[in-house]
């Protein structure tokens, strides 16, 4: 797990790999951390690793954004 606190933008990023997502204690920790920073008016984003092909997902996302 990686946690990046960006005070200048009042933002917290929490990055989880697949193994960490399986751990029951991780959800509790994330909720507690999010609550702590939300109370300080920070935005909290949680990024979870997936199991889809990164290239295919990125290609689809870019194509969808071009249509907007």
C-alpha atoms as a PDB file:
ATOM      1  CA  UNK A   1       0.000   0.000   0.000  1.00  0.00           C
ATOM      2  CA  UNK A   2       1.207   3.445  -0.862  1.00  0.00           C
ATOM      3  CA  UNK A   3      -0.285   6.610   0.561  1.00  0.00           C
ATOM      4  CA  UNK A   4       0.555   9.951  -1.007  1.00  0.00           C
ATOM      5  CA  UNK A   5      -0.552  13.052   0.873  1.00  0.00           C
ATOM      6  CA  UNK A   6      -0.486  16.173  -1.277  1.00  0.00           C
ATOM      7  CA  UNK A   7      -0.982  19.024   1.143  1.00  0.00           C
ATOM      8  CA  UNK A   8      -0.705  21.704  -1.548  1.00  0.00           C
ATOM      9  CA  UNK A   9      -3.782  20.242  -3.296  1.00  0.00           C
ATOM     10  CA  UNK A  10      -5.463  18.908  -0.136  1.00  0.00           C
ATOM     11  CA  UNK A  11      -5.582  15.438  -1.644  1.00  0.00           C
ATOM     12  CA  UNK A  12      -4.713  11.927  -0.462  1.00  0.00           C
ATOM     13  CA  UNK A  13      -4.064   9.023  -2.837  1.00  0.00           C
ATOM     14  CA  UNK A  14      -4.182   5.453  -1.539  1.00  0.00           C
ATOM     15  CA  UNK A  15      -2.772   2.836  -3.905  1.00  0.00           C
ATOM     16  CA  UNK A  16      -3.533  -0.880  -3.342  1.00  0.00           C
ATOM     17  CA  UNK A  17      -2.204  -3.945  -5.100  1.00  0.00           C
ATOM     18  CA  UNK A  18      -4.292  -7.098  -5.561  1.00  0.00           C
ATOM     19  CA  UNK A  19      -2.954  -8.830  -2.459  1.00  0.00           C
ATOM     20  CA  UNK A  20      -3.751  -5.861  -0.227  1.00  0.00           C
ATOM     21  CA  UNK A  21      -7.302  -5.783  -1.568  1.00  0.00           C
ATOM     22  CA  UNK A  22      -7.830  -9.307  -0.224  1.00  0.00           C
ATOM     23  CA  UNK A  23      -6.826  -8.380   3.322  1.00  0.00           C
ATOM     24  CA  UNK A  24      -9.854  -7.772   5.561  1.00  0.00           C
ATOM     25  CA  UNK A  25      -7.987  -5.222   7.664  1.00  0.00           C
ATOM     26  CA  UNK A  26      -7.257  -3.060   4.639  1.00  0.00           C
ATOM     27  CA  UNK A  27     -10.862  -1.848   4.289  1.00  0.00           C
ATOM     28  CA  UNK A  28     -10.965  -0.772   7.920  1.00  0.00           C
ATOM     29  CA  UNK A  29      -7.650   1.042   7.595  1.00  0.00           C
ATOM     30  CA  UNK A  30      -8.790   2.827   4.419  1.00  0.00           C
ATOM     31  CA  UNK A  31     -12.081   3.905   5.990  1.00  0.00           C
ATOM     32  CA  UNK A  32     -10.293   5.252   9.068  1.00  0.00           C
ATOM     33  CA  UNK A  33      -7.701   7.063   6.967  1.00  0.00           C
ATOM     34  CA  UNK A  34     -10.350   8.513   4.636  1.00  0.00           C
ATOM     35  CA  UNK A  35     -12.417   9.717   7.592  1.00  0.00           C
ATOM     36  CA  UNK A  36      -9.364  11.364   9.181  1.00  0.00           C
ATOM     37  CA  UNK A  37      -8.445  13.290   6.034  1.00  0.00           C
ATOM     38  CA  UNK A  38     -12.035  14.070   5.018  1.00  0.00           C
ATOM     39  CA  UNK A  39     -12.507  15.767   8.377  1.00  0.00           C
ATOM     40  CA  UNK A  40      -9.559  18.001   7.396  1.00  0.00           C
ATOM     41  CA  UNK A  41     -11.250  18.851   4.047  1.00  0.00           C
ATOM     42  CA  UNK A  42      -8.987  16.635   1.949  1.00  0.00           C
ATOM     43  CA  UNK A  43     -10.223  14.681  -1.059  1.00  0.00           C
ATOM     44  CA  UNK A  44      -9.378  10.978  -0.758  1.00  0.00           C
ATOM     45  CA  UNK A  45      -8.912   8.726  -3.786  1.00  0.00           C
ATOM     46  CA  UNK A  46      -8.384   4.953  -3.601  1.00  0.00           C
ATOM     47  CA  UNK A  47      -6.737   3.247  -6.568  1.00  0.00           C
ATOM     48  CA  UNK A  48      -7.070  -0.529  -6.785  1.00  0.00           C
ATOM     49  CA  UNK A  49      -5.059  -2.731  -9.123  1.00  0.00           C
ATOM     50  CA  UNK A  50      -7.191  -4.718 -11.485  1.00  0.00           C
ATOM     51  CA  UNK A  51      -6.689  -7.822 -13.543  1.00  0.00           C
ATOM     52  CA  UNK A  52      -7.649  -6.487 -16.976  1.00  0.00           C
ATOM     53  CA  UNK A  53      -5.122  -5.661 -19.684  1.00  0.00           C
ATOM     54  CA  UNK A  54      -3.812  -2.141 -19.072  1.00  0.00           C
ATOM     55  CA  UNK A  55      -3.228  -1.374 -22.760  1.00  0.00           C
ATOM     56  CA  UNK A  56      -6.746  -2.424 -23.781  1.00  0.00           C
ATOM     57  CA  UNK A  57      -8.372  -0.467 -20.955  1.00  0.00           C
ATOM     58  CA  UNK A  58      -6.324   2.659 -21.678  1.00  0.00           C
ATOM     59  CA  UNK A  59      -7.077   2.404 -25.412  1.00  0.00           C
ATOM     60  CA  UNK A  60     -10.812   2.128 -24.729  1.00  0.00           C
ATOM     61  CA  UNK A  61     -10.721   5.039 -22.293  1.00  0.00           C
ATOM     62  CA  UNK A  62      -8.909   7.279 -24.771  1.00  0.00           C
ATOM     63  CA  UNK A  63     -11.344   6.392 -27.546  1.00  0.00           C
ATOM     64  CA  UNK A  64     -14.315   7.110 -25.289  1.00  0.00           C
ATOM     65  CA  UNK A  65     -12.857  10.472 -24.242  1.00  0.00           C
ATOM     66  CA  UNK A  66     -12.322  11.505 -27.869  1.00  0.00           C
ATOM     67  CA  UNK A  67     -16.059  11.123 -28.460  1.00  0.00           C
ATOM     68  CA  UNK A  68     -16.998  13.565 -25.704  1.00  0.00           C
END
